[in-house]
C-alpha cells in the first residue's frame, strides 16, 4: 500500500477509510489528506427510526452504537441486538449484586447461544451502561441511553462511587481491546464480570 501511495498510477485516486486514525502507520498518514465525516445527530436518527416503527428504547441504544441511519437500521433489524442488550442489563445487575450468578448467566446466555459472536458490541453496551450511571449521579437523566431502565439505573447508580463507575468503563474498554487482540472471548467476559463483582 505504501508503494501505491508513494507512486500512484496517473490518474488514480486511493481512498482509505478508517474509524481509528491512531492505528494507521505514520508513514501512511503523512501521504494522505484527511477528510473527516461527521455522523448524523443521534437524536435525528432516533426520530426517523421511531417514525418507522422501531422500539424507542432499542432505537436510542442503537443510535449511539452506529454512525448513520442505514447502519443503525441494520443493527435494529438483527434479532440478536435486542437479546444482547437484555443480556448486558441482566449481567450488569447480577454482577454488581451476585457476581457468581453473573458468571453462570454469561455461560448460559452468551456462550451456549450465538450471542458470543457479538462480544465486542456487548462491551460497548456495558460501556454505555456505566456511562449512564454517571449521568444519573450527576442529574443528567436526559442523556441516559438506556432510558427504559431509568428507575433501575437510579437505584444502582448510587451503590458505587463515580470513580468506580469510571474504572468499570475503563475495564469494559480494556476487555474490548483484548478481544480485538484475539484474547479468548470467554476470558474477557469473565474478567469484566469478576472486576464488577469485586
Protein backbone atom coordinates (compact mmCIF):
# COMPACT_ATOMS: atom_id res chain seq x y z
CA UNK A 1 0.00 0.00 0.00
CA UNK A 2 2.85 2.37 0.80
CA UNK A 3 4.28 1.90 -2.69
CA UNK A 4 0.89 2.76 -4.18
CA UNK A 5 0.71 5.92 -2.03
CA UNK A 6 4.27 6.96 -2.92
CA UNK A 7 3.93 6.35 -6.65
CA UNK A 8 0.25 6.25 -7.60
CA UNK A 9 -0.53 5.47 -11.22
CA UNK A 10 -1.84 8.52 -13.04
CA UNK A 11 -4.87 9.46 -12.76
CA UNK A 12 -5.65 7.12 -9.82
CA UNK A 13 -7.21 8.19 -6.55
CA UNK A 14 -6.93 5.99 -3.47
CA UNK A 15 -9.43 6.28 -0.64
CA UNK A 16 -8.58 4.89 2.79
CA UNK A 17 -11.41 4.69 5.30
CA UNK A 18 -10.78 4.10 8.99
CA UNK A 19 -12.65 4.55 12.23
CA UNK A 20 -9.36 4.64 14.15
CA UNK A 21 -6.86 7.09 12.68
CA UNK A 22 -4.43 6.33 15.51
CA UNK A 23 -3.99 2.76 14.26
CA UNK A 24 -2.67 3.96 10.89
CA UNK A 25 1.09 3.96 10.34
CA UNK A 26 2.63 7.46 10.41
CA UNK A 27 4.26 6.84 7.02
CA UNK A 28 0.83 6.22 5.52
CA UNK A 29 -0.77 9.18 7.29
CA UNK A 30 1.95 11.52 6.04
CA UNK A 31 0.99 10.68 2.45
CA UNK A 32 -2.74 11.18 2.83
CA UNK A 33 -5.19 14.02 3.12
CA UNK A 34 -7.65 13.66 5.98
CA UNK A 35 -11.31 14.31 5.28
CA UNK A 36 -13.36 13.78 8.47
CA UNK A 37 -17.00 12.77 8.20
CA UNK A 38 -19.46 13.63 10.92
CA UNK A 39 -22.08 11.13 11.95
CA UNK A 40 -25.71 12.14 11.89
CA UNK A 41 -27.04 13.59 15.12
CA UNK A 42 -28.28 10.61 17.20
CA UNK A 43 -31.50 12.45 18.07
CA UNK A 44 -32.30 12.91 14.38
CA UNK A 45 -31.62 9.23 13.69
CA UNK A 46 -33.84 8.26 16.65
CA UNK A 47 -36.70 10.43 15.43
CA UNK A 48 -36.54 9.00 11.91
CA UNK A 49 -36.41 5.37 13.06
CA UNK A 50 -39.18 5.75 15.62
CA UNK A 51 -41.40 7.06 12.84
CA UNK A 52 -40.66 3.81 11.00
CA UNK A 53 -41.99 1.84 13.97
CA UNK A 54 -38.84 0.66 15.74
CA UNK A 55 -38.95 0.37 19.55
CA UNK A 56 -37.79 3.67 21.13
CA UNK A 57 -35.53 2.00 23.73
CA UNK A 58 -33.73 -0.07 21.10
CA UNK A 59 -33.51 2.89 18.71
CA UNK A 60 -31.89 5.07 21.38
CA UNK A 61 -29.29 2.42 22.16
CA UNK A 62 -28.54 1.58 18.52
CA UNK A 63 -28.17 5.25 17.56
CA UNK A 64 -25.22 5.59 19.94
CA UNK A 65 -23.55 2.43 18.62
CA UNK A 66 -23.72 3.11 14.90
CA UNK A 67 -22.73 6.00 12.70
CA UNK A 68 -25.68 6.65 10.48
CA UNK A 69 -29.23 5.82 9.60
CA UNK A 70 -28.51 2.73 7.49
CA UNK A 71 -26.10 1.13 9.95
CA UNK A 72 -28.49 1.87 12.82
CA UNK A 73 -31.39 0.33 10.90
CA UNK A 74 -29.23 -2.69 10.06
CA UNK A 75 -28.40 -3.17 13.74
CA UNK A 76 -32.06 -2.89 14.74
CA UNK A 77 -33.06 -5.47 12.14
CA UNK A 78 -30.78 -8.07 13.74
CA UNK A 79 -32.67 -10.35 16.15
CA UNK A 80 -29.63 -10.72 18.36
CA UNK A 81 -29.35 -6.98 19.08
CA UNK A 82 -32.32 -6.84 21.47
CA UNK A 83 -31.18 -10.12 23.02
CA UNK A 84 -27.63 -8.96 23.72
CA UNK A 85 -28.93 -5.66 25.10
CA UNK A 86 -31.08 -7.62 27.56
CA UNK A 87 -28.15 -9.87 28.45
CA UNK A 88 -25.98 -6.82 29.21
CA UNK A 89 -28.68 -5.44 31.51
CA UNK A 90 -29.07 -8.79 33.26
CA UNK A 91 -25.33 -9.42 33.65
CA UNK A 92 -24.73 -5.86 34.80
CA UNK A 93 -27.33 -6.13 37.55
CA UNK A 94 -26.23 -9.61 38.62
CA UNK A 95 -22.51 -8.87 38.67
CA UNK A 96 -22.98 -5.82 40.88
CA UNK A 97 -25.00 -7.78 43.43
CA UNK A 98 -24.28 -11.51 42.99
CA UNK A 99 -21.11 -11.94 40.94
CA UNK A 100 -21.10 -15.75 40.97
CA UNK A 101 -24.57 -15.86 39.40
CA UNK A 102 -23.42 -13.49 36.63
CA UNK A 103 -20.69 -15.93 35.56
CA UNK A 104 -23.23 -18.75 35.25
CA UNK A 105 -25.67 -16.49 33.38
CA UNK A 106 -22.92 -15.43 30.98
CA UNK A 107 -22.16 -19.06 30.23
CA UNK A 108 -25.82 -19.85 29.55
CA UNK A 109 -26.88 -16.65 27.76
CA UNK A 110 -23.74 -15.91 25.73
CA UNK A 111 -21.61 -18.95 25.15
CA UNK A 112 -24.32 -21.56 24.69
CA UNK A 113 -26.06 -19.34 22.15
CA UNK A 114 -24.90 -17.45 19.08
CA UNK A 115 -24.55 -14.22 21.05
CA UNK A 116 -20.88 -14.89 21.76
CA UNK A 117 -20.19 -13.75 18.18
CA UNK A 118 -21.12 -10.21 19.24
CA UNK A 119 -18.92 -9.74 22.31
CA UNK A 120 -17.32 -6.56 21.00
CA UNK A 121 -20.72 -4.90 20.81
CA UNK A 122 -21.55 -6.28 24.25
CA UNK A 123 -18.52 -4.49 25.73
CA UNK A 124 -19.65 -1.28 24.01
CA UNK A 125 -23.09 -1.71 25.58
CA UNK A 126 -21.53 -2.21 29.01
CA UNK A 127 -19.51 0.96 28.48
CA UNK A 128 -22.70 2.89 27.67
CA UNK A 129 -24.48 1.38 30.67
CA UNK A 130 -21.72 2.50 33.04
CA UNK A 131 -21.77 5.93 31.43
CA UNK A 132 -25.50 6.09 32.15
CA UNK A 133 -24.71 5.56 35.83
CA UNK A 134 -22.61 8.72 35.75
CA UNK A 135 -25.40 10.63 34.02
CA UNK A 136 -27.79 9.57 36.79
CA UNK A 137 -25.34 10.50 39.55
CA UNK A 138 -24.86 13.98 38.08
CA UNK A 139 -28.58 14.53 37.38
CA UNK A 140 -28.34 14.41 33.59
CA UNK A 141 -31.17 11.93 33.04
CA UNK A 142 -31.92 13.43 29.62
CA UNK A 143 -28.60 11.98 28.39
CA UNK A 144 -29.28 8.44 29.61
CA UNK A 145 -29.07 5.93 26.77
CA UNK A 146 -30.86 3.03 28.47
CA UNK A 147 -33.80 5.35 29.12
CA UNK A 148 -36.27 2.49 29.67
CA UNK A 149 -34.11 1.40 32.62
CA UNK A 150 -34.05 4.80 34.36
CA UNK A 151 -35.64 3.56 37.61
CA UNK A 152 -33.19 0.66 37.85
CA UNK A 153 -30.27 2.93 36.96
CA UNK A 154 -31.31 5.41 39.66
CA UNK A 155 -31.23 2.64 42.25
CA UNK A 156 -27.96 1.05 41.13
CA UNK A 157 -26.00 4.25 40.36
CA UNK A 158 -25.77 5.27 44.00
CA UNK A 159 -24.33 1.92 45.09
CA UNK A 160 -20.91 2.86 43.68
CA UNK A 161 -18.75 5.97 43.56
CA UNK A 162 -18.05 7.99 40.44
CA UNK A 163 -14.50 6.64 40.43
CA UNK A 164 -15.78 3.06 40.47
CA UNK A 165 -18.10 3.67 37.51
CA UNK A 166 -15.24 5.26 35.57
CA UNK A 167 -13.00 2.29 36.40
CA UNK A 168 -15.75 -0.05 35.14
CA UNK A 169 -15.87 1.93 31.88
CA UNK A 170 -12.10 1.51 31.59
CA UNK A 171 -12.42 -2.21 32.30
CA UNK A 172 -15.05 -2.63 29.56
CA UNK A 173 -12.82 -0.75 27.09
CA UNK A 174 -9.81 -2.86 28.11
CA UNK A 175 -11.76 -6.11 27.65
CA UNK A 176 -12.93 -4.94 24.23
CA UNK A 177 -9.33 -4.14 23.29
CA UNK A 178 -8.15 -7.58 24.44
CA UNK A 179 -10.87 -9.17 22.34
CA UNK A 180 -9.53 -7.34 19.29
CA UNK A 181 -6.09 -8.79 20.06
CA UNK A 182 -7.58 -12.29 19.92
CA UNK A 183 -7.76 -12.98 23.65
CA UNK A 184 -10.34 -15.67 24.37
CA UNK A 185 -13.80 -14.07 24.48
CA UNK A 186 -14.96 -16.06 27.47
CA UNK A 187 -11.92 -14.95 29.47
CA UNK A 188 -12.64 -11.31 28.57
CA UNK A 189 -16.24 -11.58 29.73
CA UNK A 190 -15.21 -13.32 32.94
CA UNK A 191 -12.58 -10.65 33.60
CA UNK A 192 -15.23 -7.94 33.26
CA UNK A 193 -17.80 -9.68 35.46
CA UNK A 194 -15.27 -10.53 38.17
CA UNK A 195 -14.00 -6.95 38.05
CA UNK A 196 -17.53 -5.66 38.59
CA UNK A 197 -18.17 -8.01 41.49
CA UNK A 198 -15.00 -7.07 43.38
